[in-house]
C-alpha atoms as a PDB file:
ATOM      1  CA  UNK A   1     105.909 122.318  32.581  1.00  0.00           C
ATOM      2  CA  UNK A   2     106.214 126.113  32.200  1.00  0.00           C
ATOM      3  CA  UNK A   3     104.730 128.294  34.933  1.00  0.00           C
ATOM      4  CA  UNK A   4     102.098 130.756  33.689  1.00  0.00           C
ATOM      5  CA  UNK A   5     103.450 133.569  35.887  1.00  0.00           C
ATOM      6  CA  UNK A   6     106.933 132.929  34.497  1.00  0.00           C
ATOM      7  CA  UNK A   7     105.528 133.192  30.974  1.00  0.00           C
ATOM      8  CA  UNK A   8     103.635 136.413  31.712  1.00  0.00           C
ATOM      9  CA  UNK A   9     106.575 138.038  33.489  1.00  0.00           C
ATOM     10  CA  UNK A  10     109.159 137.130  30.851  1.00  0.00           C
ATOM     11  CA  UNK A  11     107.382 137.505  27.505  1.00  0.00           C
ATOM     12  CA  UNK A  12     109.456 140.591  26.748  1.00  0.00           C
ATOM     13  CA  UNK A  13     112.698 138.748  27.417  1.00  0.00           C
ATOM     14  CA  UNK A  14     111.531 135.823  25.279  1.00  0.00           C
ATOM     15  CA  UNK A  15     110.745 138.184  22.396  1.00  0.00           C
ATOM     16  CA  UNK A  16     114.117 139.898  22.799  1.00  0.00           C
ATOM     17  CA  UNK A  17     115.840 136.493  22.585  1.00  0.00           C
ATOM     18  CA  UNK A  18     115.262 136.412  18.834  1.00  0.00           C
ATOM     19  CA  UNK A  19     117.032 139.749  18.383  1.00  0.00           C
ATOM     20  CA  UNK A  20     119.781 139.509  21.039  1.00  0.00           C
ATOM     21  CA  UNK A  21     119.792 135.942  22.368  1.00  0.00           C
ATOM     22  CA  UNK A  22     122.199 136.672  25.249  1.00  0.00           C
ATOM     23  CA  UNK A  23     120.082 139.355  26.976  1.00  0.00           C
ATOM     24  CA  UNK A  24     117.579 136.887  28.517  1.00  0.00           C
ATOM     25  CA  UNK A  25     120.492 134.739  29.698  1.00  0.00           C
ATOM     26  CA  UNK A  26     121.688 137.679  31.802  1.00  0.00           C
ATOM     27  CA  UNK A  27     118.444 139.453  32.697  1.00  0.00           C
ATOM     28  CA  UNK A  28     116.118 136.469  33.228  1.00  0.00           C
ATOM     29  CA  UNK A  29     118.420 133.800  34.648  1.00  0.00           C
ATOM     30  CA  UNK A  30     115.665 132.017  36.567  1.00  0.00           C
ATOM     31  CA  UNK A  31     113.062 131.890  33.784  1.00  0.00           C
ATOM     32  CA  UNK A  32     112.699 128.587  31.956  1.00  0.00           C
ATOM     33  CA  UNK A  33     110.474 130.304  29.399  1.00  0.00           C
ATOM     34  CA  UNK A  34     113.047 133.005  28.583  1.00  0.00           C
ATOM     35  CA  UNK A  35     115.850 130.417  28.481  1.00  0.00           C
ATOM     36  CA  UNK A  36     113.868 128.256  26.053  1.00  0.00           C
ATOM     37  CA  UNK A  37     113.480 131.176  23.668  1.00  0.00           C
ATOM     38  CA  UNK A  38     117.105 132.234  24.223  1.00  0.00           C
ATOM     39  CA  UNK A  39     118.103 128.737  23.108  1.00  0.00           C
ATOM     40  CA  UNK A  40     115.930 129.091  20.014  1.00  0.00           C
ATOM     41  CA  UNK A  41     117.442 132.513  19.338  1.00  0.00           C
ATOM     42  CA  UNK A  42     120.994 131.186  19.731  1.00  0.00           C
ATOM     43  CA  UNK A  43     120.260 128.279  17.403  1.00  0.00           C
ATOM     44  CA  UNK A  44     118.809 130.677  14.835  1.00  0.00           C
ATOM     45  CA  UNK A  45     121.827 132.983  15.164  1.00  0.00           C
ATOM     46  CA  UNK A  46     124.299 130.126  14.650  1.00  0.00           C
ATOM     47  CA  UNK A  47     122.326 128.823  11.672  1.00  0.00           C
ATOM     48  CA  UNK A  48     122.341 132.315  10.149  1.00  0.00           C
ATOM     49  CA  UNK A  49     126.095 132.683  10.645  1.00  0.00           C
ATOM     50  CA  UNK A  50     126.755 129.229   9.163  1.00  0.00           C
ATOM     51  CA  UNK A  51     124.521 129.908   6.154  1.00  0.00           C
ATOM     52  CA  UNK A  52     126.151 133.280   5.510  1.00  0.00           C
ATOM     53  CA  UNK A  53     129.674 131.889   5.778  1.00  0.00           C
ATOM     54  CA  UNK A  54     129.043 128.844   3.594  1.00  0.00           C
ATOM     55  CA  UNK A  55     126.974 130.639   0.961  1.00  0.00           C
ATOM     56  CA  UNK A  56     129.335 133.629   0.998  1.00  0.00           C
ATOM     57  CA  UNK A  57     132.272 131.378   0.135  1.00  0.00           C
ATOM     58  CA  UNK A  58     130.517 129.543  -2.698  1.00  0.00           C
ATOM     59  CA  UNK A  59     130.866 131.535  -5.892  1.00  0.00           C
ATOM     60  CA  UNK A  60     127.785 132.431  -7.904  1.00  0.00           C
ATOM     61  CA  UNK A  61     125.341 129.733  -6.645  1.00  0.00           C
ATOM     62  CA  UNK A  62     126.017 130.654  -3.021  1.00  0.00           C
ATOM     63  CA  UNK A  63     125.709 134.335  -3.788  1.00  0.00           C
ATOM     64  CA  UNK A  64     122.364 133.732  -5.478  1.00  0.00           C
ATOM     65  CA  UNK A  65     121.044 131.661  -2.550  1.00  0.00           C
ATOM     66  CA  UNK A  66     122.283 134.002   0.186  1.00  0.00           C
ATOM     67  CA  UNK A  67     119.326 136.449   0.040  1.00  0.00           C
ATOM     68  CA  UNK A  68     116.885 133.531   0.296  1.00  0.00           C
ATOM     69  CA  UNK A  69     118.747 132.118   3.300  1.00  0.00           C
ATOM     70  CA  UNK A  70     118.634 135.512   5.007  1.00  0.00           C
ATOM     71  CA  UNK A  71     114.937 135.823   4.224  1.00  0.00           C
ATOM     72  CA  UNK A  72     114.399 132.406   5.824  1.00  0.00           C
ATOM     73  CA  UNK A  73     116.241 133.611   8.948  1.00  0.00           C
ATOM     74  CA  UNK A  74     113.974 136.668   9.165  1.00  0.00           C
ATOM     75  CA  UNK A  75     110.859 134.499   8.726  1.00  0.00           C
ATOM     76  CA  UNK A  76     112.035 132.102  11.459  1.00  0.00           C
ATOM     77  CA  UNK A  77     112.763 135.037  13.779  1.00  0.00           C
ATOM     78  CA  UNK A  78     109.257 136.400  13.205  1.00  0.00           C
ATOM     79  CA  UNK A  79     107.739 132.982  13.920  1.00  0.00           C
ATOM     80  CA  UNK A  80     109.732 132.802  17.147  1.00  0.00           C
ATOM     81  CA  UNK A  81     108.752 136.314  18.198  1.00  0.00           C
ATOM     82  CA  UNK A  82     105.074 135.585  17.558  1.00  0.00           C
ATOM     83  CA  UNK A  83     105.262 132.351  19.570  1.00  0.00           C
ATOM     84  CA  UNK A  84     107.012 134.136  22.453  1.00  0.00           C
ATOM     85  CA  UNK A  85     104.487 136.994  22.411  1.00  0.00           C
ATOM     86  CA  UNK A  86     101.637 134.478  22.598  1.00  0.00           C
ATOM     87  CA  UNK A  87     103.301 132.687  25.510  1.00  0.00           C
ATOM     88  CA  UNK A  88     103.883 129.517  23.513  1.00  0.00           C
ATOM     89  CA  UNK A  89     106.762 127.082  23.815  1.00  0.00           C
ATOM     90  CA  UNK A  90     106.921 126.020  20.199  1.00  0.00           C
ATOM     91  CA  UNK A  91     110.117 125.002  18.402  1.00  0.00           C
ATOM     92  CA  UNK A  92     111.118 126.794  15.236  1.00  0.00           C
ATOM     93  CA  UNK A  93     110.680 124.814  12.018  1.00  0.00           C
ATOM     94  CA  UNK A  94     113.791 122.931  10.832  1.00  0.00           C
ATOM     95  CA  UNK A  95     116.227 124.152  13.533  1.00  0.00           C
ATOM     96  CA  UNK A  96     114.035 124.188  16.644  1.00  0.00           C
ATOM     97  CA  UNK A  97     114.796 120.641  17.767  1.00  0.00           C
ATOM     98  CA  UNK A  98     118.404 121.478  18.713  1.00  0.00           C
ATOM     99  CA  UNK A  99     119.129 122.328  22.339  1.00  0.00           C
ATOM    100  CA  UNK A 100     122.317 124.275  22.932  1.00  0.00           C
ATOM    101  CA  UNK A 101     121.613 125.820  26.349  1.00  0.00           C
END
């Protein structure tokens, strides 16, 4: 399904997708591999924003849970970066099944 030359040529863009999800959308328009990881990065970004907004509004309990939610975002980003660096097309746990792009 994913071309091995596409994977080799766009690993860097796929890794970058977990830091700045929009860069692969501009720089690697024709790469399915980079777009897959850009989608995962966008999903992770939106989940992080939603968690921060919701938990930031909730007094006390939300404020206590916010560091754990942010830690989970960092862990998911690392899992995505590792998968991209290994040339894998593997969805992130919990949020990886959503396709936005």
